[in-house]
PDB file of N, CA and C in Angstrom:
ATOM      1  N   MET A   1       0.821  -1.197   0.000  1.00  0.00           N
ATOM      2  CA  MET A   1       0.000   0.000   0.000  1.00  0.00           C
ATOM      3  C   MET A   1       0.866   1.263   0.000  1.00  0.00           C
ATOM      4  N   ASP A   2       1.970   1.214   0.749  1.00  0.00           N
ATOM      5  CA  ASP A   2       2.845   2.388   0.779  1.00  0.00           C
ATOM      6  C   ASP A   2       3.442   2.668  -0.590  1.00  0.00           C
ATOM      7  N   GLY A   3       3.775   1.602  -1.308  1.00  0.00           N
ATOM      8  CA  GLY A   3       4.352   1.786  -2.641  1.00  0.00           C
ATOM      9  C   GLY A   3       3.393   2.463  -3.589  1.00  0.00           C
ATOM     10  N   ILE A   4       2.114   2.121  -3.493  1.00  0.00           N
ATOM     11  CA  ILE A   4       1.117   2.755  -4.361  1.00  0.00           C
ATOM     12  C   ILE A   4       1.003   4.246  -4.046  1.00  0.00           C
ATOM     13  N   ILE A   5       1.002   4.568  -2.756  1.00  0.00           N
ATOM     14  CA  ILE A   5       0.899   5.980  -2.357  1.00  0.00           C
ATOM     15  C   ILE A   5       2.104   6.765  -2.860  1.00  0.00           C
ATOM     16  N   PHE A   6       3.315   6.213  -2.678  1.00  0.00           N
ATOM     17  CA  PHE A   6       4.511   6.904  -3.144  1.00  0.00           C
ATOM     18  C   PHE A   6       4.559   6.974  -4.666  1.00  0.00           C
ATOM     19  N   GLY A   7       4.052   5.939  -5.336  1.00  0.00           N
ATOM     20  CA  GLY A   7       4.010   5.956  -6.801  1.00  0.00           C
ATOM     21  C   GLY A   7       3.107   7.049  -7.330  1.00  0.00           C
ATOM     22  N   VAL A   8       1.942   7.205  -6.700  1.00  0.00           N
ATOM     23  CA  VAL A   8       1.013   8.267  -7.117  1.00  0.00           C
ATOM     24  C   VAL A   8       1.649   9.631  -6.889  1.00  0.00           C
ATOM     25  N   GLU A   9       2.281   9.796  -5.741  1.00  0.00           N
ATOM     26  CA  GLU A   9       2.918  11.083  -5.440  1.00  0.00           C
ATOM     27  C   GLU A   9       4.097  11.356  -6.370  1.00  0.00           C
ATOM     28  N   ALA A  10       4.856  10.328  -6.725  1.00  0.00           N
ATOM     29  CA  ALA A  10       5.958  10.515  -7.667  1.00  0.00           C
ATOM     30  C   ALA A  10       5.432  10.928  -9.036  1.00  0.00           C
ATOM     31  N   ALA A  11       4.333  10.320  -9.450  1.00  0.00           N
ATOM     32  CA  ALA A  11       3.742  10.690 -10.739  1.00  0.00           C
ATOM     33  C   ALA A  11       3.276  12.138 -10.729  1.00  0.00           C
ATOM     34  N   LYS A  12       2.686  12.570  -9.615  1.00  0.00           N
ATOM     35  CA  LYS A  12       2.255  13.968  -9.507  1.00  0.00           C
ATOM     36  C   LYS A  12       3.456  14.909  -9.516  1.00  0.00           C
ATOM     37  N   GLY A  13       4.534  14.498  -8.856  1.00  0.00           N
ATOM     38  CA  GLY A  13       5.747  15.322  -8.852  1.00  0.00           C
ATOM     39  C   GLY A  13       6.340  15.444 -10.243  1.00  0.00           C
ATOM     40  N   ILE A  14       6.374  14.346 -10.968  1.00  0.00           N
ATOM     41  CA  ILE A  14       6.902  14.370 -12.341  1.00  0.00           C
ATOM     42  C   ILE A  14       6.034  15.254 -13.217  1.00  0.00           C
ATOM     43  N   LEU A  15       4.712  15.137 -13.063  1.00  0.00           N
ATOM     44  CA  LEU A  15       3.805  15.985 -13.836  1.00  0.00           C
ATOM     45  C   LEU A  15       4.025  17.458 -13.511  1.00  0.00           C
ATOM     46  N   SER A  16       4.269  17.773 -12.245  1.00  0.00           N
ATOM     47  CA  SER A  16       4.523  19.170 -11.861  1.00  0.00           C
ATOM     48  C   SER A  16       5.791  19.697 -12.504  1.00  0.00           C
ATOM     49  N   ILE A  17       6.842  18.876 -12.529  1.00  0.00           N
ATOM     50  CA  ILE A  17       8.098  19.290 -13.148  1.00  0.00           C
ATOM     51  C   ILE A  17       7.889  19.548 -14.636  1.00  0.00           C
ATOM     52  N   VAL A  18       7.160  18.654 -15.302  1.00  0.00           N
ATOM     53  CA  VAL A  18       6.899  18.820 -16.729  1.00  0.00           C
ATOM     54  C   VAL A  18       6.107  20.100 -16.985  1.00  0.00           C
ATOM     55  N   MET A  19       5.115  20.369 -16.139  1.00  0.00           N
ATOM     56  CA  MET A  19       4.305  21.573 -16.329  1.00  0.00           C
ATOM     57  C   MET A  19       5.129  22.852 -16.121  1.00  0.00           C
ATOM     58  N   VAL A  20       6.054  22.857 -15.168  1.00  0.00           N
ATOM     59  CA  VAL A  20       6.915  24.023 -14.959  1.00  0.00           C
ATOM     60  C   VAL A  20       7.811  24.228 -16.173  1.00  0.00           C
ATOM     61  N   ILE A  21       8.366  23.141 -16.695  1.00  0.00           N
ATOM     62  CA  ILE A  21       9.226  23.251 -17.881  1.00  0.00           C
ATOM     63  C   ILE A  21       8.429  23.771 -19.078  1.00  0.00           C
ATOM     64  N   LEU A  22       7.216  23.235 -19.274  1.00  0.00           N
ATOM     65  CA  LEU A  22       6.372  23.728 -20.371  1.00  0.00           C
ATOM     66  C   LEU A  22       6.011  25.195 -20.177  1.00  0.00           C
ATOM     67  N   GLY A  23       5.760  25.592 -18.941  1.00  0.00           N
ATOM     68  CA  GLY A  23       5.465  27.000 -18.664  1.00  0.00           C
ATOM     69  C   GLY A  23       6.636  27.903 -19.016  1.00  0.00           C
ATOM     70  N   LEU A  24       7.853  27.467 -18.693  1.00  0.00           N
ATOM     71  CA  LEU A  24       9.031  28.261 -19.048  1.00  0.00           C
ATOM     72  C   LEU A  24       9.222  28.331 -20.559  1.00  0.00           C
ATOM     73  N   ILE A  25       8.955  27.229 -21.245  1.00  0.00           N
ATOM     74  CA  ILE A  25       9.083  27.227 -22.706  1.00  0.00           C
ATOM     75  C   ILE A  25       8.054  28.166 -23.336  1.00  0.00           C
ATOM     76  N   PHE A  26       6.795  28.070 -22.904  1.00  0.00           N
ATOM     77  CA  PHE A  26       5.767  28.950 -23.441  1.00  0.00           C
ATOM     78  C   PHE A  26       6.039  30.409 -23.106  1.00  0.00           C
ATOM     79  N   ALA A  27       6.574  30.676 -21.918  1.00  0.00           N
ATOM     80  CA  ALA A  27       6.923  32.052 -21.559  1.00  0.00           C
ATOM     81  C   ALA A  27       8.019  32.576 -22.478  1.00  0.00           C
ATOM     82  N   GLY A  28       8.942  31.710 -22.853  1.00  0.00           N
ATOM     83  CA  GLY A  28       9.984  32.113 -23.797  1.00  0.00           C
ATOM     84  C   GLY A  28       9.427  32.440 -25.168  1.00  0.00           C
ATOM     85  N   PHE A  29       8.388  31.724 -25.583  1.00  0.00           N
ATOM     86  CA  PHE A  29       7.777  31.997 -26.887  1.00  0.00           C
ATOM     87  C   PHE A  29       7.107  33.366 -26.936  1.00  0.00           C
ATOM     88  N   ILE A  30       6.539  33.800 -25.818  1.00  0.00           N
ATOM     89  CA  ILE A  30       5.865  35.094 -25.842  1.00  0.00           C
ATOM     90  C   ILE A  30       6.792  36.233 -25.411  1.00  0.00           C
ATOM     91  N   GLY A  31       8.045  35.900 -25.142  1.00  0.00           N
ATOM     92  CA  GLY A  31       9.018  36.945 -24.862  1.00  0.00           C
ATOM     93  C   GLY A  31       9.305  37.184 -23.396  1.00  0.00           C
ATOM     94  N   VAL A  32       8.703  36.424 -22.509  1.00  0.00           N
ATOM     95  CA  VAL A  32       8.981  36.558 -21.084  1.00  0.00           C
ATOM     96  C   VAL A  32       9.962  35.454 -20.721  1.00  0.00           C
ATOM     97  N   ALA A  33      11.172  35.821 -20.354  1.00  0.00           N
ATOM     98  CA  ALA A  33      12.183  34.806 -20.051  1.00  0.00           C
ATOM     99  C   ALA A  33      13.047  35.270 -18.886  1.00  0.00           C
ATOM    100  N   ILE A  34      13.593  34.299 -18.196  1.00  0.00           N
ATOM    101  CA  ILE A  34      14.549  34.596 -17.129  1.00  0.00           C
ATOM    102  C   ILE A  34      15.915  34.749 -17.792  1.00  0.00           C
ATOM    103  N   PRO A  35      16.577  35.883 -17.644  1.00  0.00           N
ATOM    104  CA  PRO A  35      17.795  36.143 -18.421  1.00  0.00           C
ATOM    105  C   PRO A  35      18.958  35.207 -18.123  1.00  0.00           C
ATOM    106  N   PHE A  36      19.114  34.760 -16.893  1.00  0.00           N
ATOM    107  CA  PHE A  36      20.264  33.932 -16.557  1.00  0.00           C
ATOM    108  C   PHE A  36      19.984  32.444 -16.717  1.00  0.00           C
ATOM    109  N   LEU A  37      18.795  32.082 -17.146  1.00  0.00           N
ATOM    110  CA  LEU A  37      18.407  30.681 -17.256  1.00  0.00           C
ATOM    111  C   LEU A  37      18.436  30.254 -18.716  1.00  0.00           C
ATOM    112  N   SER A  38      19.247  29.251 -19.013  1.00  0.00           N
ATOM    113  CA  SER A  38      19.279  28.699 -20.361  1.00  0.00           C
ATOM    114  C   SER A  38      19.149  27.188 -20.270  1.00  0.00           C
ATOM    115  N   SER A  39      18.799  26.576 -21.381  1.00  0.00           N
ATOM    116  CA  SER A  39      18.610  25.123 -21.374  1.00  0.00           C
ATOM    117  C   SER A  39      19.912  24.392 -21.085  1.00  0.00           C
ATOM    118  N   THR A  40      21.037  24.932 -21.497  1.00  0.00           N
ATOM    119  CA  THR A  40      22.324  24.306 -21.238  1.00  0.00           C
ATOM    120  C   THR A  40      22.635  24.297 -19.745  1.00  0.00           C
ATOM    121  N   ILE A  41      22.375  25.398 -19.087  1.00  0.00           N
ATOM    122  CA  ILE A  41      22.628  25.483 -17.651  1.00  0.00           C
ATOM    123  C   ILE A  41      21.708  24.526 -16.894  1.00  0.00           C
ATOM    124  N   VAL A  42      20.442  24.495 -17.278  1.00  0.00           N
ATOM    125  CA  VAL A  42      19.481  23.625 -16.593  1.00  0.00           C
ATOM    126  C   VAL A  42      19.846  22.161 -16.787  1.00  0.00           C
ATOM    127  N   LEU A  43      20.151  21.750 -18.015  1.00  0.00           N
ATOM    128  CA  LEU A  43      20.499  20.356 -18.271  1.00  0.00           C
ATOM    129  C   LEU A  43      21.803  19.959 -17.584  1.00  0.00           C
ATOM    130  N   ASN A  44      22.767  20.862 -17.542  1.00  0.00           N
ATOM    131  CA  ASN A  44      24.025  20.580 -16.860  1.00  0.00           C
ATOM    132  C   ASN A  44      23.791  20.399 -15.365  1.00  0.00           C
ATOM    133  N   HIS A  45      23.016  21.276 -14.778  1.00  0.00           N
ATOM    134  CA  HIS A  45      22.717  21.184 -13.344  1.00  0.00           C
ATOM    135  C   HIS A  45      21.907  19.922 -13.042  1.00  0.00           C
ATOM    136  N   LEU A  46      20.951  19.606 -13.905  1.00  0.00           N
ATOM    137  CA  LEU A  46      20.141  18.410 -13.710  1.00  0.00           C
ATOM    138  C   LEU A  46      20.985  17.140 -13.803  1.00  0.00           C
ATOM    139  N   SER A  47      21.904  17.089 -14.755  1.00  0.00           N
ATOM    140  CA  SER A  47      22.762  15.904 -14.869  1.00  0.00           C
ATOM    141  C   SER A  47      23.701  15.785 -13.672  1.00  0.00           C
ATOM    142  N   ASP A  48      24.172  16.911 -13.130  1.00  0.00           N
ATOM    143  CA  ASP A  48      24.995  16.867 -11.920  1.00  0.00           C
ATOM    144  C   ASP A  48      24.211  16.311 -10.740  1.00  0.00           C
ATOM    145  N   ILE A  49      22.967  16.726 -10.595  1.00  0.00           N
ATOM    146  CA  ILE A  49      22.133  16.236  -9.501  1.00  0.00           C
ATOM    147  C   ILE A  49      21.889  14.743  -9.645  1.00  0.00           C
ATOM    148  N   VAL A  50      21.556  14.293 -10.852  1.00  0.00           N
ATOM    149  CA  VAL A  50      21.254  12.877 -11.073  1.00  0.00           C
ATOM    150  C   VAL A  50      22.484  12.011 -10.813  1.00  0.00           C
ATOM    151  N   THR A  51      23.649  12.437 -11.294  1.00  0.00           N
ATOM    152  CA  THR A  51      24.852  11.623 -11.069  1.00  0.00           C
ATOM    153  C   THR A  51      25.238  11.588  -9.597  1.00  0.00           C
ATOM    154  N   THR A  52      25.060  12.687  -8.888  1.00  0.00           N
ATOM    155  CA  THR A  52      25.360  12.694  -7.453  1.00  0.00           C
ATOM    156  C   THR A  52      24.413  11.776  -6.696  1.00  0.00           C
ATOM    157  N   GLN A  53      23.124  11.848  -7.011  1.00  0.00           N
ATOM    158  CA  GLN A  53      22.159  10.991  -6.330  1.00  0.00           C
ATOM    159  C   GLN A  53      22.405   9.526  -6.658  1.00  0.00           C
ATOM    160  N   ALA A  54      22.738   9.227  -7.906  1.00  0.00           N
ATOM    161  CA  ALA A  54      22.998   7.843  -8.292  1.00  0.00           C
ATOM    162  C   ALA A  54      24.241   7.307  -7.586  1.00  0.00           C
ATOM    163  N   LYS A  55      25.226   8.172  -7.386  1.00  0.00           N
ATOM    164  CA  LYS A  55      26.455   7.732  -6.733  1.00  0.00           C
ATOM    165  C   LYS A  55      26.221   7.428  -5.256  1.00  0.00           C
ATOM    166  N   TYR A  56      25.449   8.258  -4.573  1.00  0.00           N
ATOM    167  CA  TYR A  56      25.279   8.102  -3.135  1.00  0.00           C
ATOM    168  C   TYR A  56      24.150   7.150  -2.743  1.00  0.00           C
ATOM    169  N   PHE A  57      23.119   7.032  -3.563  1.00  0.00           N
ATOM    170  CA  PHE A  57      21.955   6.252  -3.168  1.00  0.00           C
ATOM    171  C   PHE A  57      21.738   4.995  -3.988  1.00  0.00           C
ATOM    172  N   SER A  58      22.658   4.643  -4.865  1.00  0.00           N
ATOM    173  CA  SER A  58      22.453   3.452  -5.687  1.00  0.00           C
ATOM    174  C   SER A  58      22.464   2.183  -4.858  1.00  0.00           C
ATOM    175  N   TYR A  59      23.160   2.159  -3.734  1.00  0.00           N
ATOM    176  CA  TYR A  59      23.216   0.959  -2.903  1.00  0.00           C
ATOM    177  C   TYR A  59      21.879   0.678  -2.234  1.00  0.00           C
ATOM    178  N   TYR A  60      21.123   1.716  -1.926  1.00  0.00           N
ATOM    179  CA  TYR A  60      19.860   1.535  -1.223  1.00  0.00           C
ATOM    180  C   TYR A  60      18.744   1.031  -2.129  1.00  0.00           C
ATOM    181  N   ILE A  61      18.877   1.236  -3.426  1.00  0.00           N
ATOM    182  CA  ILE A  61      17.839   0.797  -4.358  1.00  0.00           C
ATOM    183  C   ILE A  61      17.700  -0.715  -4.319  1.00  0.00           C
ATOM    184  N   TYR A  62      18.819  -1.410  -4.163  1.00  0.00           N
ATOM    185  CA  TYR A  62      18.768  -2.868  -4.145  1.00  0.00           C
ATOM    186  C   TYR A  62      18.170  -3.404  -2.845  1.00  0.00           C
ATOM    187  N   GLY A  63      18.084  -2.577  -1.815  1.00  0.00           N
ATOM    188  CA  GLY A  63      17.545  -3.033  -0.551  1.00  0.00           C
ATOM    189  C   GLY A  63      16.041  -2.887  -0.415  1.00  0.00           C
ATOM    190  N   PHE A  64      15.367  -2.270  -1.377  1.00  0.00           N
ATOM    191  CA  PHE A  64      13.912  -2.111  -1.290  1.00  0.00           C
ATOM    192  C   PHE A  64      13.226  -3.462  -1.440  1.00  0.00           C
ATOM    193  N   PRO A  65      12.183  -3.679  -0.690  1.00  0.00           N
ATOM    194  CA  PRO A  65      11.429  -4.938  -0.867  1.00  0.00           C
ATOM    195  C   PRO A  65      10.718  -4.956  -2.220  1.00  0.00           C
ATOM    196  N   LEU A  66      10.552  -6.146  -2.738  1.00  0.00           N
ATOM    197  CA  LEU A  66       9.930  -6.301  -4.052  1.00  0.00           C
ATOM    198  C   LEU A  66       8.491  -5.797  -4.055  1.00  0.00           C
ATOM    199  N   ALA A  67       7.759  -6.012  -2.976  1.00  0.00           N
ATOM    200  CA  ALA A  67       6.360  -5.566  -2.914  1.00  0.00           C
ATOM    201  C   ALA A  67       6.273  -4.045  -2.995  1.00  0.00           C
ATOM    202  N   TRP A  68       7.221  -3.338  -2.400  1.00  0.00           N
ATOM    203  CA  TRP A  68       7.200  -1.887  -2.441  1.00  0.00           C
ATOM    204  C   TRP A  68       7.432  -1.407  -3.871  1.00  0.00           C
ATOM    205  N   ILE A  69       8.350  -2.034  -4.578  1.00  0.00           N
ATOM    206  CA  ILE A  69       8.640  -1.634  -5.962  1.00  0.00           C
ATOM    207  C   ILE A  69       7.427  -1.902  -6.853  1.00  0.00           C
ATOM    208  N   VAL A  70       6.787  -3.048  -6.671  1.00  0.00           N
ATOM    209  CA  VAL A  70       5.597  -3.361  -7.465  1.00  0.00           C
ATOM    210  C   VAL A  70       4.487  -2.348  -7.170  1.00  0.00           C
ATOM    211  N   GLY A  71       4.305  -1.996  -5.909  1.00  0.00           N
ATOM    212  CA  GLY A  71       3.300  -1.002  -5.552  1.00  0.00           C
ATOM    213  C   GLY A  71       3.630   0.365  -6.118  1.00  0.00           C
ATOM    214  N   PHE A  72       4.907   0.724  -6.132  1.00  0.00           N
ATOM    215  CA  PHE A  72       5.344   2.004  -6.680  1.00  0.00           C
ATOM    216  C   PHE A  72       5.005   2.089  -8.164  1.00  0.00           C
ATOM    217  N   VAL A  73       5.319   1.024  -8.898  1.00  0.00           N
ATOM    218  CA  VAL A  73       5.027   0.998 -10.330  1.00  0.00           C
ATOM    219  C   VAL A  73       3.517   1.033 -10.561  1.00  0.00           C
ATOM    220  N   ALA A  74       2.780   0.306  -9.730  1.00  0.00           N
ATOM    221  CA  ALA A  74       1.313   0.326  -9.868  1.00  0.00           C
ATOM    222  C   ALA A  74       0.776   1.737  -9.603  1.00  0.00           C
ATOM    223  N   GLY A  75       1.337   2.429  -8.631  1.00  0.00           N
ATOM    224  CA  GLY A  75       0.910   3.789  -8.354  1.00  0.00           C
ATOM    225  C   GLY A  75       1.218   4.736  -9.498  1.00  0.00           C
ATOM    226  N   LEU A  76       2.372   4.544 -10.153  1.00  0.00           N
ATOM    227  CA  LEU A  76       2.704   5.377 -11.308  1.00  0.00           C
ATOM    228  C   LEU A  76       1.749   5.125 -12.462  1.00  0.00           C
ATOM    229  N   LEU A  77       1.372   3.877 -12.642  1.00  0.00           N
ATOM    230  CA  LEU A  77       0.513   3.520 -13.770  1.00  0.00           C
ATOM    231  C   LEU A  77      -0.954   3.870 -13.525  1.00  0.00           C
ATOM    232  N   LEU A  78      -1.369   3.976 -12.264  1.00  0.00           N
ATOM    233  CA  LEU A  78      -2.758   4.251 -11.977  1.00  0.00           C
ATOM    234  C   LEU A  78      -3.141   5.703 -12.192  1.00  0.00           C
ATOM    235  N   VAL A  79      -2.166   6.575 -12.237  1.00  0.00           N
ATOM    236  CA  VAL A  79      -2.483   8.010 -12.345  1.00  0.00           C
ATOM    237  C   VAL A  79      -2.754   8.377 -13.771  1.00  0.00           C
TER     238      VAL A  79
END
């Protein structure tokens, strides 16, 4: 049950991130943009975050129970 709850929340978080990115893209089309923010800077920062998290937390992924992972995937798919 916990996996389903976390899966639903992860899906909502991913949707929120996508909506913010789309909002920034649409704002750029109409001429409203943040001057110091570029796609290169964002992608570079995002890749740094992902590699750091993968380096420090990759060991814990293997310790999750199988039922939690199945529930997480079910929660992602139910949304």
